C-alpha atoms as a PDB file:
ATOM      1  CA  MET A   1      71.955  80.463  83.333  1.00  0.00           C
ATOM      2  CA  GLY A   2      70.516  81.456  86.693  1.00  0.00           C
ATOM      3  CA  GLY A   3      72.200  78.474  88.330  1.00  0.00           C
ATOM      4  CA  ILE A   4      75.640  79.503  87.110  1.00  0.00           C
ATOM      5  CA  THR A   5      75.287  83.093  88.275  1.00  0.00           C
ATOM      6  CA  SER A   6      74.031  82.033  91.686  1.00  0.00           C
ATOM      7  CA  ALA A   7      76.929  79.561  92.016  1.00  0.00           C
ATOM      8  CA  VAL A   8      79.446  82.292  91.116  1.00  0.00           C
ATOM      9  CA  LYS A   9      77.803  84.699  93.561  1.00  0.00           C
ATOM     10  CA  LYS A  10      78.121  82.098  96.335  1.00  0.00           C
ATOM     11  CA  CYS A  11      81.903  82.072  95.739  1.00  0.00           C
ATOM     12  CA  ASP A  12      82.143  85.823  96.396  1.00  0.00           C
ATOM     13  CA  LEU A  13      84.752  86.344  99.129  1.00  0.00           C
ATOM     14  CA  PHE A  14      84.372  90.124  98.972  1.00  0.00           C
ATOM     15  CA  ALA A  15      80.699  90.266  99.914  1.00  0.00           C
ATOM     16  CA  VAL A  16      79.726  93.103 102.240  1.00  0.00           C
ATOM     17  CA  ASP A  17      77.253  92.948 105.086  1.00  0.00           C
ATOM     18  CA  LYS A  18      74.094  94.889 104.550  1.00  0.00           C
ATOM     19  CA  PHE A  19      72.539  97.040 107.200  1.00  0.00           C
ATOM     20  CA  LEU A  20      69.120  96.596 105.654  1.00  0.00           C
ATOM     21  CA  LYS A  21      68.139  93.151 104.446  1.00  0.00           C
ATOM     22  CA  PHE A  22      66.872  92.685 100.912  1.00  0.00           C
ATOM     23  CA  LYS A  23      65.156  89.380 100.114  1.00  0.00           C
ATOM     24  CA  ASN A  24      66.393  88.064 103.501  1.00  0.00           C
ATOM     25  CA  ASP A  25      70.027  88.122 102.340  1.00  0.00           C
ATOM     26  CA  ASP A  26      72.660  88.894 104.959  1.00  0.00           C
ATOM     27  CA  ASP A  27      75.402  89.692 102.426  1.00  0.00           C
ATOM     28  CA  HIS A  28      75.430  91.532  99.132  1.00  0.00           C
ATOM     29  CA  THR A  29      77.245  89.289  96.651  1.00  0.00           C
ATOM     30  CA  THR A  30      78.059  90.116  93.053  1.00  0.00           C
ATOM     31  CA  ILE A  31      79.119  88.190  89.984  1.00  0.00           C
ATOM     32  CA  THR A  32      82.265  90.339  89.700  1.00  0.00           C
ATOM     33  CA  GLY A  33      83.259  89.522  93.273  1.00  0.00           C
ATOM     34  CA  GLY A  34      82.624  85.839  92.623  1.00  0.00           C
ATOM     35  CA  ILE A  35      84.747  85.830  89.467  1.00  0.00           C
ATOM     36  CA  CYS A  36      87.595  87.676  91.226  1.00  0.00           C
ATOM     37  CA  SER A  37      87.396  85.224  94.130  1.00  0.00           C
ATOM     38  CA  ILE A  38      87.527  82.211  91.804  1.00  0.00           C
ATOM     39  CA  ILE A  39      90.518  83.680  89.935  1.00  0.00           C
ATOM     40  CA  LEU A  40      92.395  84.402  93.186  1.00  0.00           C
ATOM     41  CA  ILE A  41      91.721  80.920  94.532  1.00  0.00           C
ATOM     42  CA  ALA A  42      92.942  79.394  91.257  1.00  0.00           C
ATOM     43  CA  ILE A  43      96.145  81.481  91.366  1.00  0.00           C
ATOM     44  CA  PHE A  44      96.857  80.449  94.957  1.00  0.00           C
ATOM     45  CA  VAL A  45      96.223  76.780  94.157  1.00  0.00           C
ATOM     46  CA  VAL A  46      98.604  76.910  91.175  1.00  0.00           C
ATOM     47  CA  ILE A  47     101.329  78.633  93.211  1.00  0.00           C
ATOM     48  CA  PHE A  48     100.950  76.191  96.104  1.00  0.00           C
ATOM     49  CA  ALA A  49     100.931  73.150  93.807  1.00  0.00           C
ATOM     50  CA  SER A  50     104.008  74.263  91.860  1.00  0.00           C
ATOM     51  CA  THR A  51     105.899  75.005  95.070  1.00  0.00           C
ATOM     52  CA  ALA A  52     104.909  71.656  96.559  1.00  0.00           C
ATOM     53  CA  ILE A  53     105.963  69.780  93.419  1.00  0.00           C
ATOM     54  CA  ALA A  54     109.286  71.640  93.288  1.00  0.00           C
ATOM     55  CA  THR A  55     109.914  70.818  96.940  1.00  0.00           C
ATOM     56  CA  ILE A  56     109.049  67.155  96.458  1.00  0.00           C
ATOM     57  CA  ASN A  57     111.352  66.970  93.423  1.00  0.00           C
ATOM     58  CA  ARG A  58     114.006  68.853  95.408  1.00  0.00           C
ATOM     59  CA  GLU A  59     114.397  71.541  92.769  1.00  0.00           C
ATOM     60  CA  ASN A  60     114.386  74.492  95.160  1.00  0.00           C
ATOM     61  CA  THR A  61     116.525  73.003  97.920  1.00  0.00           C
ATOM     62  CA  THR A  62     120.171  73.995  97.942  1.00  0.00           C
ATOM     63  CA  HIS A  63     123.018  73.374 100.293  1.00  0.00           C
ATOM     64  CA  SER A  64     126.685  74.206 100.439  1.00  0.00           C
ATOM     65  CA  VAL A  65     129.562  72.995 102.558  1.00  0.00           C
ATOM     66  CA  SER A  66     132.767  74.909 103.121  1.00  0.00           C
ATOM     67  CA  TYR A  67     135.812  73.838 105.067  1.00  0.00           C
ATOM     68  CA  TYR A  68     138.421  75.961 106.752  1.00  0.00           C
ATOM     69  CA  ARG A  69     141.864  74.407 106.847  1.00  0.00           C
ATOM     70  CA  PRO A  70     144.725  76.570 108.109  1.00  0.00           C
ATOM     71  CA  THR A  71     148.248  76.035 106.738  1.00  0.00           C
ATOM     72  CA  ASN A  72     149.694  75.914 110.236  1.00  0.00           C
ATOM     73  CA  PRO A  73     147.339  74.056 112.627  1.00  0.00           C
ATOM     74  CA  LEU A  74     149.149  75.523 115.665  1.00  0.00           C
ATOM     75  CA  VAL A  75     148.186  79.100 114.762  1.00  0.00           C
ATOM     76  CA  LEU A  76     144.470  79.630 115.212  1.00  0.00           C
ATOM     77  CA  GLY A  77     142.702  82.409 113.385  1.00  0.00           C
ATOM     78  CA  GLU A  78     145.156  82.589 110.477  1.00  0.00           C
ATOM     79  CA  LYS A  79     143.605  81.648 107.190  1.00  0.00           C
ATOM     80  CA  GLY A  80     145.488  79.443 104.765  1.00  0.00           C
ATOM     81  CA  LYS A  81     147.384  81.112 101.962  1.00  0.00           C
END
């Protein structure tokens, strides 16, 4: 169990620097900070992967083409009716 908690604490992205060192640690890491960091990283990975897959499958890419053709080609600026 100690190995899991130390591994989660190493993932803590919200660790704060300590002015006074305790057990020669530079940062104060917590299990809560490690769990929040792991959850945030997982969310970002899922969002990035889904966006990348949608882009590769061309689901999110759109395009449109519109043409302007006047009724009288000699008169510029008048839209066709």
